[in-house]
Amino acid sequence: MRSLPSAGRTTLIAAVLAPFVVATLPAAAFFLATNAAHAAQDDETRTVGAITLLNRRAIEAYQDLNFDEAQRLLRQALDLSEARGLSQHAIRARTCVNLGIVLVGGFKDREQAIKLFHQALQISPEIRLSRALANPQIQEVFDEAVRRLGSEPATPPPPPAAVVALPAEKLLAHDPVRTGLRGSALTITASPDESLGQHALVLGYRPAGAAVFTEVTMQRQPSGIHLGLIPESATAGGHVEYYIEARGTNGKRTISRGSSVDPLVVTLAAPEVARSVDVAAPVTGPASDDDRRWVLTLMAGTGIGWTSGVGEVRQLDITPSGFAWASLGHLAPAVGYMVTPHLLLGVQGRLQLVSGAAEYRPSGGATTGVCGGDGVCSPAKGAFAALARAEWLFNEPSSTFRPFLSASVGGGLIRHVAQTGDQSDCGADQNAKCFDTVPGGPFLVGTGIGFRYSLSQSVSLVFALDGLIGAPKFTAEADANVGISLRL
């Protein structure tokens, strides 16, 4: 069988595929159009959600009497609705109403509120005030806006001539910041033209992942340049967004560089850890907190614990068993090593000073051979314990406040002072009630919580609440300690 020539094969393939292509073109076009419509609808839904969130936060700020913040959030919502083509959407109408409420209730600005109510009614004629926000004064202004609607011509205010005459780059000179270091503050500078006559220059910034912008007033320097600071707390992510606005005495924006809808973006890079050492000059001290691994801590405190069993001096039962003070107090020196930025391992001592127990002079004096040659049974004046200790510190090493959890295990004694029976033959005159020392331990294990508060790079205040269990002589001790810690 002879094969078809090349041209014939091409004609045959085209003849076979043509009906299929013609049949599938409408379906493909419909599919693409549907996808485009769904994408546009999804974008609108996201925008409406963002505007709704701004309205909700603005209402919360208004109810907290933070009127400036409420106005800022609502104007940001209006900018967003205009930029995304939602100028006739119901969410813009609701935003206008909410901003009108803020202007009346917070700033007593009736005329501007009436204009905003007009805009809302032109978009949604059936819109009304929210019952939760309306009061007689606001309702009166809204009703006046309804009466005026249709009887007054809409006359938009003319744009400021100075703003129209020159581009934004000339009126508000600013060299955009494009890159920065993660975790470092950013200084933003701008030079407004004198013709603006602005009341304030405002810097708005938004960290990565945040929903709204934070605004700060830029400070004018003697040279005429305005400075604003984006703090370290806003530069922890991969980027930070910002804008600069010049505002008139009425608080309205006259011109801006960037906006809440289309902000300027700073890309933040992780700082490179590079240390250069001059070979001609030896290093005389630690370069950073990472080198300050050894931690010395000295704390003092007191505690209370469960006391039962018999006293050490008279061997009489404690009556009744219960909680007793580990009087007078104790010192808790410790030394540790930062294994990681969050884990501290070390050892801790517990040097207890005991007071309040009474001497006992048994009948027959020293002849019993129990209390020594002077015939006086003296209670213990102290107790000692040594513990291996681990602390897990939360927050970053650069944080001023770092709470922690701890665990301890070791050996030694904890002594409490408690009354033994109803005897009153103790003390130098043998007429005092008998208080005896009661030991707990020698095996000790426990856990605790606390915090370290940095006063400087190497000095911190320390507060800890520690719980210890003693066995086989049982006690359950709770200690409160406070002191100073040094990083070496």
Protein backbone atom coordinates (compact mmCIF):
# COMPACT_ATOMS: atom_id res chain seq x y z
CA MET A 1 0.00 0.00 0.00
CA ARG A 2 1.40 3.40 -0.99
CA SER A 3 1.74 6.10 1.66
CA LEU A 4 0.27 9.54 1.18
CA PRO A 5 2.57 12.39 0.27
CA SER A 6 3.55 14.78 3.10
CA ALA A 7 1.17 17.51 1.93
CA GLY A 8 -1.66 15.00 1.72
CA ARG A 9 -1.06 13.76 5.23
CA THR A 10 -1.15 17.32 6.56
CA THR A 11 -4.43 18.02 4.76
CA LEU A 12 -5.93 14.79 6.08
CA ILE A 13 -4.90 15.57 9.73
CA ALA A 14 -6.30 19.10 9.43
CA ALA A 15 -9.56 17.75 8.06
CA VAL A 16 -9.88 15.31 10.97
CA LEU A 17 -8.95 17.81 13.73
CA ALA A 18 -10.86 20.83 12.44
CA PRO A 19 -14.32 19.71 13.68
CA PHE A 20 -12.85 18.89 17.10
CA VAL A 21 -11.15 22.28 17.41
CA VAL A 22 -14.28 24.12 16.31
CA ALA A 23 -16.37 22.17 18.82
CA THR A 24 -14.02 22.80 21.76
CA LEU A 25 -13.32 26.51 21.18
CA PRO A 26 -16.60 27.74 22.72
CA ALA A 27 -16.12 25.48 25.75
CA ALA A 28 -12.57 26.72 26.21
CA ALA A 29 -13.68 30.34 25.90
CA PHE A 30 -16.48 29.75 28.40
CA PHE A 31 -14.04 28.06 30.81
CA LEU A 32 -11.58 30.94 30.64
CA ALA A 33 -14.30 33.56 31.06
CA THR A 34 -15.75 31.68 34.03
CA ASN A 35 -12.34 31.42 35.70
CA ALA A 36 -11.72 35.13 35.16
CA ALA A 37 -15.13 35.97 36.65
CA HIS A 38 -14.49 33.72 39.66
CA ALA A 39 -11.06 35.30 40.20
CA ALA A 40 -12.57 38.79 40.09
CA GLN A 41 -15.32 37.73 42.47
CA ASP A 42 -12.78 36.20 44.89
CA ASP A 43 -10.72 39.42 44.80
CA GLU A 44 -13.82 41.50 45.56
CA THR A 45 -14.76 39.16 48.41
CA ARG A 46 -11.29 39.51 49.95
CA THR A 47 -11.43 43.29 49.60
CA VAL A 48 -14.88 43.50 51.20
CA GLY A 49 -13.58 41.31 54.05
CA ALA A 50 -10.61 43.62 54.60
CA ILE A 51 -12.84 46.71 54.62
CA THR A 52 -15.26 45.02 57.02
CA LEU A 53 -12.36 44.24 59.38
CA LEU A 54 -11.22 47.88 59.27
CA ASN A 55 -14.77 49.02 60.09
CA ARG A 56 -14.98 46.62 63.02
CA ARG A 57 -11.68 47.81 64.49
CA ALA A 58 -12.67 51.42 63.96
CA ILE A 59 -15.92 50.89 65.86
CA GLU A 60 -13.98 49.27 68.72
CA ALA A 61 -11.62 52.26 68.79
CA TYR A 62 -14.59 54.68 68.75
CA GLN A 63 -16.25 52.88 71.66
CA ASP A 64 -12.93 53.10 73.53
CA LEU A 65 -12.98 56.90 72.88
CA ASN A 66 -9.93 56.64 70.59
CA PHE A 67 -11.49 58.91 67.94
CA ASP A 68 -8.29 59.62 65.99
CA GLU A 69 -7.62 55.91 65.51
CA ALA A 70 -11.23 55.27 64.49
CA GLN A 71 -11.08 58.06 61.87
CA ARG A 72 -7.76 56.79 60.52
CA LEU A 73 -9.02 53.22 60.09
CA LEU A 74 -12.23 54.34 58.34
CA ARG A 75 -10.38 56.64 55.93
CA GLN A 76 -8.07 53.74 55.18
CA ALA A 77 -11.15 51.64 54.39
CA LEU A 78 -12.49 54.36 52.05
CA ASP A 79 -9.16 54.53 50.23
CA LEU A 80 -9.19 50.76 49.79
CA SER A 81 -12.75 50.69 48.43
CA GLU A 82 -11.94 53.43 45.92
CA ALA A 83 -8.70 51.79 44.77
CA ARG A 84 -10.41 48.41 44.23
CA GLY A 85 -13.36 49.80 42.26
CA LEU A 86 -15.95 49.48 45.03
CA SER A 87 -17.02 53.11 45.05
CA GLN A 88 -20.68 52.08 44.65
CA HIS A 89 -20.58 49.03 46.90
CA ALA A 90 -22.72 48.74 50.01
CA ILE A 91 -19.61 48.30 52.16
CA ARG A 92 -18.43 51.79 51.13
CA ALA A 93 -21.83 53.21 52.10
CA ARG A 94 -21.56 51.59 55.54
CA THR A 95 -18.00 52.95 55.91
CA CYS A 96 -19.25 56.48 55.10
CA VAL A 97 -21.96 56.17 57.74
CA ASN A 98 -19.49 54.93 60.37
CA LEU A 99 -17.06 57.75 59.60
CA GLY A 100 -19.91 60.26 59.84
CA ILE A 101 -20.77 58.87 63.28
CA VAL A 102 -17.14 59.28 64.38
CA LEU A 103 -17.02 62.87 63.11
CA VAL A 104 -20.20 63.82 64.97
CA GLY A 105 -19.64 61.83 68.17
CA GLY A 106 -15.90 62.36 68.42
CA PHE A 107 -15.13 65.69 66.69
CA LYS A 108 -18.53 67.52 66.59
CA ASP A 109 -18.04 68.09 62.83
CA ARG A 110 -21.65 68.18 61.58
CA GLU A 111 -21.02 69.43 58.03
CA GLN A 112 -18.43 66.82 57.12
CA ALA A 113 -20.64 64.14 58.65
CA ILE A 114 -23.62 65.31 56.55
CA LYS A 115 -21.50 65.03 53.39
CA LEU A 116 -20.52 61.49 54.29
CA PHE A 117 -24.13 60.56 55.08
CA HIS A 118 -25.06 62.01 51.65
CA GLN A 119 -22.52 59.75 49.96
CA ALA A 120 -23.85 56.73 51.82
CA LEU A 121 -27.48 57.50 50.94
CA GLN A 122 -26.62 58.02 47.26
CA ILE A 123 -25.05 54.54 47.19
CA SER A 124 -27.64 52.80 49.37
CA PRO A 125 -30.84 54.90 49.82
CA GLU A 126 -32.17 52.46 52.44
CA ILE A 127 -29.13 52.59 54.69
CA ARG A 128 -29.72 53.57 58.31
CA LEU A 129 -27.69 54.16 61.46
CA SER A 130 -26.64 51.19 63.55
CA ARG A 131 -28.68 51.07 66.76
CA ALA A 132 -25.55 50.28 68.77
CA LEU A 133 -23.86 53.52 67.67
CA ALA A 134 -26.73 55.96 67.24
CA ASN A 135 -27.67 58.52 69.86
CA PRO A 136 -30.08 61.49 69.61
CA GLN A 137 -27.35 63.90 68.49
CA ILE A 138 -26.05 61.60 65.72
CA GLN A 139 -29.61 60.69 64.66
CA GLU A 140 -30.45 64.40 64.32
CA VAL A 141 -27.49 64.97 61.99
CA PHE A 142 -28.39 61.90 59.92
CA ASP A 143 -32.01 63.03 59.62
CA GLU A 144 -30.80 66.45 58.48
CA ALA A 145 -28.67 64.74 55.81
CA VAL A 146 -31.78 62.87 54.62
CA ARG A 147 -33.77 66.14 54.42
CA ARG A 148 -31.03 67.92 52.51
CA LEU A 149 -30.57 65.06 50.04
CA GLY A 150 -31.97 66.15 46.70
CA SER A 151 -32.43 69.77 47.76
CA GLU A 152 -28.74 70.73 47.62
CA PRO A 153 -26.54 70.34 44.55
CA ALA A 154 -23.52 68.16 44.96
CA THR A 155 -20.51 70.46 44.77
CA PRO A 156 -17.26 68.62 45.27
CA PRO A 157 -14.59 70.78 46.89
CA PRO A 158 -11.98 72.10 44.47
CA PRO A 159 -8.60 70.43 44.74
CA PRO A 160 -5.85 72.52 46.33
CA ALA A 161 -4.08 74.43 43.60
CA ALA A 162 -0.65 73.84 45.05
CA VAL A 163 -1.15 70.08 45.11
CA VAL A 164 -2.31 69.96 41.48
CA ALA A 165 0.40 72.28 40.19
CA LEU A 166 3.36 70.06 41.14
CA PRO A 167 3.88 66.29 41.16
CA ALA A 168 4.02 64.46 44.48
CA GLU A 169 7.78 63.91 44.15
CA LYS A 170 8.31 67.70 44.20
CA LEU A 171 5.80 68.54 46.91
CA LEU A 172 6.89 65.75 49.24
CA ALA A 173 10.50 64.81 48.57
CA HIS A 174 11.32 61.32 49.82
CA ASP A 175 13.87 58.72 48.79
CA PRO A 176 12.03 55.39 49.32
CA VAL A 177 13.73 52.84 51.56
CA ARG A 178 13.82 49.54 49.70
CA THR A 179 15.94 47.25 51.92
CA GLY A 180 16.76 46.89 55.60
CA LEU A 181 17.97 44.49 58.27
CA ARG A 182 15.52 42.23 60.05
CA GLY A 183 15.17 43.19 63.71
CA SER A 184 16.62 46.69 63.21
CA ALA A 185 14.79 50.02 63.39
CA LEU A 186 14.36 52.01 60.14
CA THR A 187 14.66 55.79 59.92
CA ILE A 188 12.37 57.37 57.32
CA THR A 189 13.03 60.95 56.11
CA ALA A 190 10.93 63.35 54.04
CA SER A 191 11.08 67.02 53.02
CA PRO A 192 7.68 68.66 52.37
CA ASP A 193 7.39 71.73 50.14
CA GLU A 194 6.50 74.92 52.03
CA SER A 195 3.53 75.50 49.70
CA LEU A 196 1.76 72.50 51.24
CA GLY A 197 1.17 74.30 54.50
CA GLN A 198 0.65 70.91 56.14
CA HIS A 199 -0.31 70.65 59.78
CA ALA A 200 1.53 67.35 60.29
CA LEU A 201 3.58 64.78 58.43
CA VAL A 202 2.49 61.25 59.35
CA LEU A 203 4.37 57.97 58.89
CA GLY A 204 2.22 54.85 58.69
CA TYR A 205 3.84 51.40 58.88
CA ARG A 206 2.56 47.84 58.86
CA PRO A 207 4.68 44.77 59.79
CA ALA A 208 4.46 41.57 57.76
CA GLY A 209 1.25 39.74 58.67
CA ALA A 210 -0.45 42.73 60.32
CA ALA A 211 -3.91 43.83 59.17
CA VAL A 212 -3.72 47.59 59.81
CA PHE A 213 -1.15 50.36 59.76
CA THR A 214 0.26 52.07 62.83
CA GLU A 215 0.75 55.82 62.48
CA VAL A 216 3.31 58.10 64.14
CA THR A 217 3.91 61.83 63.68
CA MET A 218 7.22 62.61 62.01
CA GLN A 219 9.42 65.09 63.86
CA ARG A 220 10.65 68.23 62.10
CA GLN A 221 14.37 68.92 62.40
CA PRO A 222 15.97 72.41 62.35
CA SER A 223 17.09 71.69 58.77
CA GLY A 224 13.45 71.29 57.68
CA ILE A 225 13.72 67.52 57.17
CA HIS A 226 11.13 65.38 58.94
CA LEU A 227 12.20 62.11 60.64
CA GLY A 228 10.06 59.09 61.49
CA LEU A 229 11.06 55.76 63.03
CA ILE A 230 9.81 52.27 62.21
CA PRO A 231 10.70 50.39 65.43
CA GLU A 232 12.51 47.07 65.75
CA SER A 233 9.27 45.33 66.76
CA ALA A 234 7.85 45.99 63.26
CA THR A 235 10.85 44.55 61.38
CA ALA A 236 10.83 40.96 62.63
CA GLY A 237 9.37 39.53 59.39
CA GLY A 238 10.49 39.42 55.80
CA HIS A 239 9.20 42.91 54.95
CA VAL A 240 7.53 46.01 56.31
CA GLU A 241 5.20 48.42 54.44
CA TYR A 242 4.93 52.17 54.96
CA TYR A 243 3.58 55.44 53.60
CA ILE A 244 4.00 59.15 54.35
CA GLU A 245 1.06 61.58 54.39
CA ALA A 246 0.98 65.35 54.66
CA ARG A 247 -2.19 66.45 56.46
CA GLY A 248 -3.84 69.82 56.83
CA THR A 249 -5.15 71.42 59.99
CA ASN A 250 -8.48 69.58 59.49
CA GLY A 251 -6.67 66.24 59.60
CA LYS A 252 -7.33 65.50 55.92
CA ARG A 253 -4.62 64.16 53.66
CA THR A 254 -3.26 66.69 51.15
CA ILE A 255 -0.62 64.55 49.49
CA SER A 256 1.27 61.33 50.16
CA ARG A 257 4.09 59.07 49.13
CA GLY A 258 2.61 55.62 49.09
CA SER A 259 -0.75 54.91 50.72
CA SER A 260 -2.47 52.34 52.86
CA VAL A 261 -3.75 50.73 49.66
CA ASP A 262 -0.50 50.94 47.69
CA PRO A 263 2.26 51.23 50.30
CA LEU A 264 6.01 51.40 49.84
CA VAL A 265 7.65 48.07 50.69
CA VAL A 266 10.95 47.49 52.49
CA THR A 267 12.49 44.03 52.02
CA LEU A 268 14.17 42.89 55.23
CA ALA A 269 17.21 40.61 55.14
CA ALA A 270 18.52 38.51 58.01
CA PRO A 271 21.57 40.21 59.56
CA GLU A 272 24.84 38.48 58.85
CA VAL A 273 26.81 37.62 61.96
CA ALA A 274 30.31 38.72 61.14
CA ARG A 275 32.98 39.41 63.67
CA SER A 276 36.28 40.94 62.68
CA VAL A 277 39.16 40.71 65.12
CA ASP A 278 42.16 42.98 64.83
CA VAL A 279 45.20 40.70 65.09
CA ALA A 280 47.24 43.59 66.47
CA ALA A 281 44.87 44.10 69.39
CA PRO A 282 43.78 41.16 71.56
CA VAL A 283 40.15 40.76 72.48
CA THR A 284 39.70 42.02 76.04
CA GLY A 285 36.07 41.16 76.68
CA PRO A 286 32.99 39.34 75.36
CA ALA A 287 31.67 40.55 72.00
CA SER A 288 27.98 39.82 72.60
CA ASP A 289 25.47 38.08 74.82
CA ASP A 290 26.24 34.84 72.97
CA ASP A 291 29.70 34.93 74.61
CA ARG A 292 28.32 35.60 78.09
CA ARG A 293 27.55 31.96 78.81
CA TRP A 294 28.31 31.74 82.55
CA VAL A 295 25.58 32.97 84.87
CA LEU A 296 26.10 33.73 88.58
CA THR A 297 22.97 34.24 90.66
CA LEU A 298 22.51 35.20 94.30
CA MET A 299 19.00 35.06 95.71
CA ALA A 300 17.49 35.31 99.17
CA GLY A 301 14.08 34.17 100.31
CA THR A 302 11.93 32.26 102.72
CA GLY A 303 9.39 29.48 102.55
CA ILE A 304 6.66 27.42 104.12
CA GLY A 305 6.23 23.66 104.14
CA TRP A 306 4.34 20.69 105.50
CA THR A 307 5.64 19.59 108.89
CA SER A 308 4.94 16.27 110.60
CA GLY A 309 6.71 13.58 112.58
CA VAL A 310 8.84 14.30 115.63
CA GLY A 311 11.12 17.14 116.67
CA GLU A 312 14.89 16.77 116.53
CA VAL A 313 15.65 17.81 120.12
CA ARG A 314 12.96 16.21 122.30
CA GLN A 315 11.79 13.53 119.87
CA LEU A 316 8.18 14.44 120.60
CA ASP A 317 5.33 14.42 118.09
CA ILE A 318 4.50 17.64 116.26
CA THR A 319 0.99 18.61 117.33
CA PRO A 320 -0.76 19.25 115.17
CA SER A 321 0.85 18.40 111.83
CA GLY A 322 0.49 21.15 109.28
CA PHE A 323 2.26 23.94 107.45
CA ALA A 324 5.07 25.73 109.22
CA TRP A 325 7.44 28.54 108.34
CA ALA A 326 11.00 27.64 107.32
CA SER A 327 12.17 30.49 109.54
CA LEU A 328 14.11 32.71 109.34
CA GLY A 329 15.10 32.55 105.70
CA HIS A 330 17.76 31.29 103.32
CA LEU A 331 20.32 32.26 100.72
CA ALA A 332 20.25 30.54 97.32
CA PRO A 333 23.51 31.07 95.41
CA ALA A 334 23.76 29.42 92.00
CA VAL A 335 26.15 29.09 89.07
CA GLY A 336 25.06 27.96 85.63
CA TYR A 337 25.98 27.76 81.97
CA MET A 338 23.81 28.80 79.00
CA VAL A 339 23.89 25.62 76.91
CA THR A 340 21.57 27.26 74.38
CA PRO A 341 19.96 30.73 74.28
CA HIS A 342 17.01 29.18 76.14
CA LEU A 343 18.51 26.42 78.36
CA LEU A 344 20.48 27.17 81.55
CA LEU A 345 22.06 24.25 83.44
CA GLY A 346 23.78 24.64 86.79
CA VAL A 347 23.91 23.96 90.52
CA GLN A 348 22.24 25.81 93.36
CA GLY A 349 22.78 25.86 97.09
CA ARG A 350 20.20 26.45 99.81
CA LEU A 351 21.77 27.89 102.97
CA GLN A 352 19.01 28.14 105.55
CA LEU A 353 19.13 30.18 108.78
CA VAL A 354 16.83 28.63 111.37
CA SER A 355 15.40 30.58 114.31
CA GLY A 356 12.51 30.28 116.73
CA ALA A 357 13.25 26.85 118.24
CA ALA A 358 13.66 26.79 122.03
CA GLU A 359 16.44 25.30 124.15
CA TYR A 360 15.54 22.36 126.36
CA ARG A 361 17.10 21.51 129.74
CA PRO A 362 16.11 18.00 130.70
CA SER A 363 15.80 16.91 134.32
CA GLY A 364 19.11 15.74 135.65
CA GLY A 365 21.11 18.04 133.38
CA ALA A 366 24.14 16.58 131.69
CA THR A 367 23.92 13.23 133.47
CA THR A 368 21.61 11.91 130.76
CA GLY A 369 24.37 12.20 128.16
CA VAL A 370 21.85 13.38 125.60
CA CYS A 371 22.49 17.09 125.29
CA GLY A 372 26.19 17.47 125.76
CA GLY A 373 28.28 18.33 128.74
CA ASP A 374 26.40 21.52 129.68
CA GLY A 375 23.04 19.78 129.99
CA VAL A 376 21.40 22.15 127.46
CA CYS A 377 19.69 20.70 124.37
CA SER A 378 20.15 23.36 121.67
CA PRO A 379 18.18 23.15 118.38
CA ALA A 380 19.87 23.35 114.98
CA LYS A 381 20.58 26.87 113.75
CA GLY A 382 20.71 26.11 110.02
CA ALA A 383 20.29 23.63 107.18
CA PHE A 384 22.05 23.05 103.88
CA ALA A 385 21.00 21.52 100.56
CA ALA A 386 22.63 21.31 97.11
CA LEU A 387 20.59 20.94 93.93
CA ALA A 388 21.28 20.37 90.25
CA ARG A 389 19.03 22.84 88.40
CA ALA A 390 17.78 23.37 84.85
CA GLU A 391 15.94 26.46 83.59
CA TRP A 392 14.10 26.86 80.31
CA LEU A 393 13.81 30.57 79.44
CA PHE A 394 11.07 31.83 77.15
CA ASN A 395 11.22 34.83 74.77
CA GLU A 396 14.29 35.77 72.78
CA PRO A 397 17.66 36.49 74.47
CA SER A 398 17.31 40.16 73.48
CA SER A 399 14.03 40.46 75.41
CA THR A 400 14.00 42.47 78.63
CA PHE A 401 11.47 40.15 80.30
CA ARG A 402 12.13 36.40 80.15
CA PRO A 403 9.87 34.05 82.15
CA PHE A 404 11.17 30.56 82.88
CA LEU A 405 10.31 27.08 84.14
CA SER A 406 12.79 25.17 86.30
CA ALA A 407 13.44 21.67 87.59
CA SER A 408 15.74 20.67 90.49
CA VAL A 409 17.05 17.47 92.08
CA GLY A 410 19.59 17.00 94.87
CA GLY A 411 20.16 16.31 98.53
CA GLY A 412 20.23 18.02 101.90
CA LEU A 413 17.86 19.13 104.62
CA ILE A 414 15.06 21.66 104.95
CA ARG A 415 14.10 22.52 108.51
CA HIS A 416 10.83 23.91 109.86
CA VAL A 417 10.03 25.10 113.36
CA ALA A 418 6.88 23.74 115.00
CA GLN A 419 5.42 23.23 118.46
CA THR A 420 5.83 19.84 120.13
CA GLY A 421 2.92 18.84 122.33
CA ASP A 422 1.63 21.07 125.11
CA GLN A 423 4.86 21.28 127.09
CA SER A 424 5.91 24.62 128.58
CA ASP A 425 9.25 23.62 130.11
CA CYS A 426 11.61 24.91 127.43
CA GLY A 427 13.85 27.96 127.22
CA ALA A 428 16.46 29.29 129.64
CA ASP A 429 13.91 29.51 132.49
CA GLN A 430 12.18 26.25 131.54
CA ASN A 431 8.79 27.98 131.36
CA ALA A 432 8.43 28.60 127.61
CA LYS A 433 6.44 26.61 125.10
CA CYS A 434 8.51 24.01 123.30
CA PHE A 435 9.22 24.72 119.65
CA ASP A 436 11.46 22.22 117.92
CA THR A 437 13.11 21.86 114.52
CA VAL A 438 11.71 19.25 112.12
CA PRO A 439 13.89 18.15 109.17
CA GLY A 440 12.75 17.13 105.69
CA GLY A 441 14.90 15.21 103.23
CA PRO A 442 17.63 14.29 102.56
CA PHE A 443 16.46 13.49 99.02
CA LEU A 444 14.99 16.61 97.37
CA VAL A 445 13.27 17.10 94.02
CA GLY A 446 11.16 19.97 92.72
CA THR A 447 10.10 22.40 90.06
CA GLY A 448 9.47 26.12 89.82
CA ILE A 449 8.51 29.19 87.84
CA GLY A 450 9.91 32.71 87.66
CA PHE A 451 11.29 35.45 85.48
CA ARG A 452 14.51 37.32 84.68
CA TYR A 453 14.27 41.06 84.03
CA SER A 454 17.30 42.63 82.34
CA LEU A 455 18.67 45.82 83.85
CA SER A 456 21.63 45.90 81.47
CA GLN A 457 23.48 43.61 79.08
CA SER A 458 24.94 41.60 81.96
CA VAL A 459 22.75 42.29 85.04
CA SER A 460 19.24 40.97 85.66
CA LEU A 461 16.71 40.88 88.45
CA VAL A 462 15.50 37.35 89.23
CA PHE A 463 12.29 36.23 90.93
CA ALA A 464 11.44 32.55 91.47
CA LEU A 465 8.76 30.45 93.14
CA ASP A 466 10.18 26.96 93.81
CA GLY A 467 8.45 23.85 95.09
CA LEU A 468 10.50 21.04 96.70
CA ILE A 469 9.51 17.57 97.92
CA GLY A 470 11.68 15.94 100.60
CA ALA A 471 11.94 12.19 101.38
CA PRO A 472 12.11 9.85 103.23
CA LYS A 473 11.46 12.45 105.93
CA PHE A 474 8.55 13.98 104.10
CA THR A 475 8.07 17.67 103.53
CA ALA A 476 6.46 19.72 100.75
CA GLU A 477 8.19 23.09 100.65
CA ALA A 478 7.28 26.30 98.76
CA ASP A 479 10.05 28.93 98.52
CA ALA A 480 9.87 32.53 97.26
CA ASN A 481 13.24 33.92 96.14
CA VAL A 482 14.43 37.23 94.76
CA GLY A 483 17.91 38.34 93.75
CA ILE A 484 20.47 39.50 91.20
CA SER A 485 22.01 37.59 88.29
CA LEU A 486 25.26 38.34 86.42
CA ARG A 487 26.23 37.08 82.96
CA LEU A 488 30.00 36.66 82.59
